[in-house]
Amino acid sequence: MFQRSFTLNKDNGELPAGSSALEIDEDEIETSERTVRVRVAAHLFVRNGRSLRMVVVNFDELTNALAADGVLSAR
């Protein structure tokens, strides 16, 4: 996912470049007309050598980190 090391927020510090897995938790809200899914949490699983670290993700911080890495256009 990331070509360079990156930071999502100051609490997590710098995270290593490489592939990560993103898990998004959603709540499903059903109405008589449609079903809506609302993102309630996200976790990024980052591998660093033999260790695996789970980081709670803010969607705006993730978008900014991907844009800074050149993966996304900044919004």
N, C-alpha and C. Protein backbone atom coordinates (compact mmCIF):
# COMPACT_ATOMS: atom_id res chain seq x y z
N MET A 1 0.82 -1.18 0.00
CA MET A 1 0.00 0.00 0.00
C MET A 1 0.88 1.26 0.00
N PHE A 2 1.80 1.36 0.92
CA PHE A 2 2.63 2.57 1.03
C PHE A 2 4.02 2.31 0.45
N GLN A 3 4.50 3.27 -0.33
CA GLN A 3 5.83 3.18 -0.93
C GLN A 3 6.91 3.67 0.04
N ARG A 4 6.54 4.58 0.95
CA ARG A 4 7.48 5.15 1.92
C ARG A 4 6.89 5.01 3.32
N SER A 5 7.75 5.13 4.33
CA SER A 5 7.23 5.13 5.69
C SER A 5 6.27 6.31 5.84
N PHE A 6 5.34 6.21 6.78
CA PHE A 6 4.27 7.21 6.88
C PHE A 6 3.83 7.39 8.32
N THR A 7 3.13 8.47 8.56
CA THR A 7 2.58 8.77 9.88
C THR A 7 1.10 9.07 9.73
N LEU A 8 0.28 8.41 10.54
CA LEU A 8 -1.16 8.69 10.54
C LEU A 8 -1.49 9.74 11.59
N ASN A 9 -0.87 9.64 12.74
CA ASN A 9 -1.01 10.66 13.77
C ASN A 9 0.19 10.56 14.70
N LYS A 10 0.39 11.57 15.50
CA LYS A 10 1.59 11.61 16.35
C LYS A 10 1.60 10.52 17.41
N ASP A 11 0.45 10.00 17.79
CA ASP A 11 0.38 8.97 18.82
C ASP A 11 0.97 7.65 18.34
N ASN A 12 0.83 7.34 17.06
CA ASN A 12 1.31 6.06 16.53
C ASN A 12 2.74 6.13 16.04
N GLY A 13 3.26 7.32 15.84
CA GLY A 13 4.62 7.45 15.32
C GLY A 13 4.70 7.04 13.87
N GLU A 14 5.93 6.90 13.39
CA GLU A 14 6.15 6.55 11.99
C GLU A 14 5.93 5.05 11.79
N LEU A 15 5.22 4.72 10.74
CA LEU A 15 4.93 3.33 10.38
C LEU A 15 5.71 2.96 9.13
N PRO A 16 6.09 1.70 8.98
CA PRO A 16 6.94 1.31 7.85
C PRO A 16 6.18 1.22 6.52
N ALA A 17 6.93 1.41 5.45
CA ALA A 17 6.38 1.24 4.11
C ALA A 17 6.05 -0.24 3.90
N GLY A 18 5.25 -0.50 2.88
CA GLY A 18 4.93 -1.88 2.54
C GLY A 18 3.44 -2.13 2.54
N SER A 19 3.10 -3.39 2.42
CA SER A 19 1.69 -3.77 2.37
C SER A 19 1.08 -3.78 3.76
N SER A 20 -0.13 -3.30 3.84
CA SER A 20 -0.90 -3.29 5.09
C SER A 20 -2.29 -3.80 4.77
N ALA A 21 -2.97 -4.29 5.78
CA ALA A 21 -4.36 -4.72 5.60
C ALA A 21 -5.25 -3.73 6.34
N LEU A 22 -6.32 -3.31 5.70
CA LEU A 22 -7.27 -2.37 6.28
C LEU A 22 -8.57 -3.10 6.56
N GLU A 23 -9.03 -3.03 7.80
CA GLU A 23 -10.31 -3.64 8.20
C GLU A 23 -11.26 -2.52 8.60
N ILE A 24 -12.43 -2.49 7.98
CA ILE A 24 -13.43 -1.45 8.25
C ILE A 24 -14.64 -2.09 8.90
N ASP A 25 -15.03 -1.58 10.07
CA ASP A 25 -16.24 -2.03 10.75
C ASP A 25 -17.37 -1.08 10.38
N GLU A 26 -18.50 -1.67 10.01
CA GLU A 26 -19.66 -0.87 9.61
C GLU A 26 -20.90 -1.32 10.38
N ASP A 27 -21.77 -0.37 10.65
CA ASP A 27 -23.10 -0.68 11.17
C ASP A 27 -24.07 -0.60 10.01
N GLU A 28 -25.02 -1.50 9.99
CA GLU A 28 -26.02 -1.51 8.94
C GLU A 28 -27.33 -0.96 9.50
N ILE A 29 -27.86 0.04 8.83
CA ILE A 29 -29.12 0.66 9.24
C ILE A 29 -30.15 0.36 8.16
N GLU A 30 -31.19 -0.34 8.54
CA GLU A 30 -32.24 -0.71 7.58
C GLU A 30 -33.46 0.16 7.79
N THR A 31 -33.97 0.67 6.69
CA THR A 31 -35.23 1.40 6.71
C THR A 31 -36.17 0.70 5.74
N SER A 32 -37.38 1.18 5.65
CA SER A 32 -38.33 0.56 4.73
C SER A 32 -37.95 0.82 3.27
N GLU A 33 -37.16 1.86 3.02
CA GLU A 33 -36.80 2.22 1.64
C GLU A 33 -35.43 1.69 1.20
N ARG A 34 -34.48 1.61 2.14
CA ARG A 34 -33.13 1.18 1.76
C ARG A 34 -32.32 0.77 2.99
N THR A 35 -31.16 0.20 2.70
CA THR A 35 -30.21 -0.17 3.74
C THR A 35 -28.98 0.70 3.57
N VAL A 36 -28.51 1.25 4.68
CA VAL A 36 -27.34 2.14 4.66
C VAL A 36 -26.28 1.54 5.57
N ARG A 37 -25.04 1.61 5.13
CA ARG A 37 -23.92 1.17 5.96
C ARG A 37 -23.14 2.41 6.41
N VAL A 38 -22.84 2.46 7.69
CA VAL A 38 -22.12 3.59 8.27
C VAL A 38 -20.80 3.08 8.83
N ARG A 39 -19.69 3.69 8.41
CA ARG A 39 -18.38 3.30 8.94
C ARG A 39 -18.29 3.75 10.40
N VAL A 40 -17.95 2.82 11.25
CA VAL A 40 -17.84 3.15 12.67
C VAL A 40 -16.41 3.03 13.19
N ALA A 41 -15.58 2.26 12.53
CA ALA A 41 -14.19 2.12 12.95
C ALA A 41 -13.38 1.51 11.82
N ALA A 42 -12.08 1.77 11.87
CA ALA A 42 -11.17 1.16 10.91
C ALA A 42 -9.86 0.84 11.63
N HIS A 43 -9.27 -0.27 11.23
CA HIS A 43 -8.00 -0.71 11.81
C HIS A 43 -7.05 -1.06 10.68
N LEU A 44 -5.82 -0.59 10.80
CA LEU A 44 -4.79 -0.88 9.82
C LEU A 44 -3.81 -1.86 10.47
N PHE A 45 -3.57 -2.97 9.80
CA PHE A 45 -2.64 -3.97 10.30
C PHE A 45 -1.34 -3.81 9.51
N VAL A 46 -0.29 -3.41 10.21
CA VAL A 46 1.00 -3.07 9.60
C VAL A 46 2.04 -4.11 10.02
N ARG A 47 2.68 -4.73 9.03
CA ARG A 47 3.72 -5.71 9.32
C ARG A 47 5.08 -5.00 9.31
N ASN A 48 5.87 -5.31 10.33
CA ASN A 48 7.23 -4.77 10.44
C ASN A 48 8.14 -5.93 10.79
N GLY A 49 8.76 -6.49 9.77
CA GLY A 49 9.56 -7.69 10.01
C GLY A 49 8.65 -8.85 10.39
N ARG A 50 8.88 -9.40 11.57
CA ARG A 50 8.07 -10.54 12.01
C ARG A 50 6.91 -10.11 12.90
N SER A 51 6.82 -8.84 13.23
CA SER A 51 5.73 -8.38 14.11
C SER A 51 4.59 -7.77 13.29
N LEU A 52 3.41 -7.81 13.88
CA LEU A 52 2.21 -7.25 13.26
C LEU A 52 1.61 -6.27 14.26
N ARG A 53 1.34 -5.06 13.81
CA ARG A 53 0.81 -4.01 14.67
C ARG A 53 -0.55 -3.57 14.16
N MET A 54 -1.51 -3.41 15.08
CA MET A 54 -2.82 -2.90 14.71
C MET A 54 -2.91 -1.45 15.14
N VAL A 55 -3.33 -0.59 14.21
CA VAL A 55 -3.44 0.84 14.46
C VAL A 55 -4.88 1.27 14.17
N VAL A 56 -5.50 1.97 15.11
CA VAL A 56 -6.83 2.53 14.86
C VAL A 56 -6.66 3.68 13.88
N VAL A 57 -7.52 3.72 12.85
CA VAL A 57 -7.35 4.66 11.75
C VAL A 57 -8.48 5.68 11.72
N ASN A 58 -8.10 6.93 11.51
CA ASN A 58 -9.02 8.01 11.19
C ASN A 58 -9.01 8.11 9.66
N PHE A 59 -10.18 8.08 9.03
CA PHE A 59 -10.25 8.05 7.56
C PHE A 59 -9.58 9.26 6.91
N ASP A 60 -9.73 10.44 7.50
CA ASP A 60 -9.09 11.63 6.93
C ASP A 60 -7.57 11.52 7.00
N GLU A 61 -7.04 11.01 8.12
CA GLU A 61 -5.59 10.84 8.26
C GLU A 61 -5.06 9.82 7.26
N LEU A 62 -5.81 8.74 7.05
CA LEU A 62 -5.40 7.73 6.09
C LEU A 62 -5.40 8.30 4.67
N THR A 63 -6.42 9.04 4.33
CA THR A 63 -6.49 9.67 3.00
C THR A 63 -5.31 10.62 2.79
N ASN A 64 -5.00 11.43 3.81
CA ASN A 64 -3.87 12.36 3.70
C ASN A 64 -2.54 11.63 3.58
N ALA A 65 -2.37 10.53 4.32
CA ALA A 65 -1.12 9.77 4.24
C ALA A 65 -0.97 9.12 2.86
N LEU A 66 -2.06 8.60 2.31
CA LEU A 66 -2.01 8.01 0.96
C LEU A 66 -1.71 9.07 -0.09
N ALA A 67 -2.29 10.26 0.06
CA ALA A 67 -2.02 11.36 -0.88
C ALA A 67 -0.56 11.79 -0.79
N ALA A 68 -0.03 11.89 0.42
CA ALA A 68 1.38 12.29 0.60
C ALA A 68 2.32 11.26 0.00
N ASP A 69 1.93 10.00 -0.01
CA ASP A 69 2.74 8.92 -0.56
C ASP A 69 2.61 8.85 -2.08
N GLY A 70 1.67 9.62 -2.66
CA GLY A 70 1.48 9.62 -4.10
C GLY A 70 0.51 8.56 -4.58
N VAL A 71 -0.17 7.88 -3.65
CA VAL A 71 -1.13 6.83 -4.03
C VAL A 71 -2.43 7.44 -4.47
N LEU A 72 -2.84 8.53 -3.83
CA LEU A 72 -4.09 9.24 -4.15
C LEU A 72 -3.79 10.67 -4.50
N SER A 73 -4.68 11.27 -5.24
CA SER A 73 -4.61 12.72 -5.44
C SER A 73 -5.15 13.36 -4.19
N ALA A 74 -4.53 14.44 -3.72
CA ALA A 74 -5.03 15.13 -2.52
C ALA A 74 -6.39 15.69 -2.81
N ARG A 75 -7.27 15.66 -1.80
CA ARG A 75 -8.61 16.18 -2.04
C ARG A 75 -8.72 17.61 -1.67
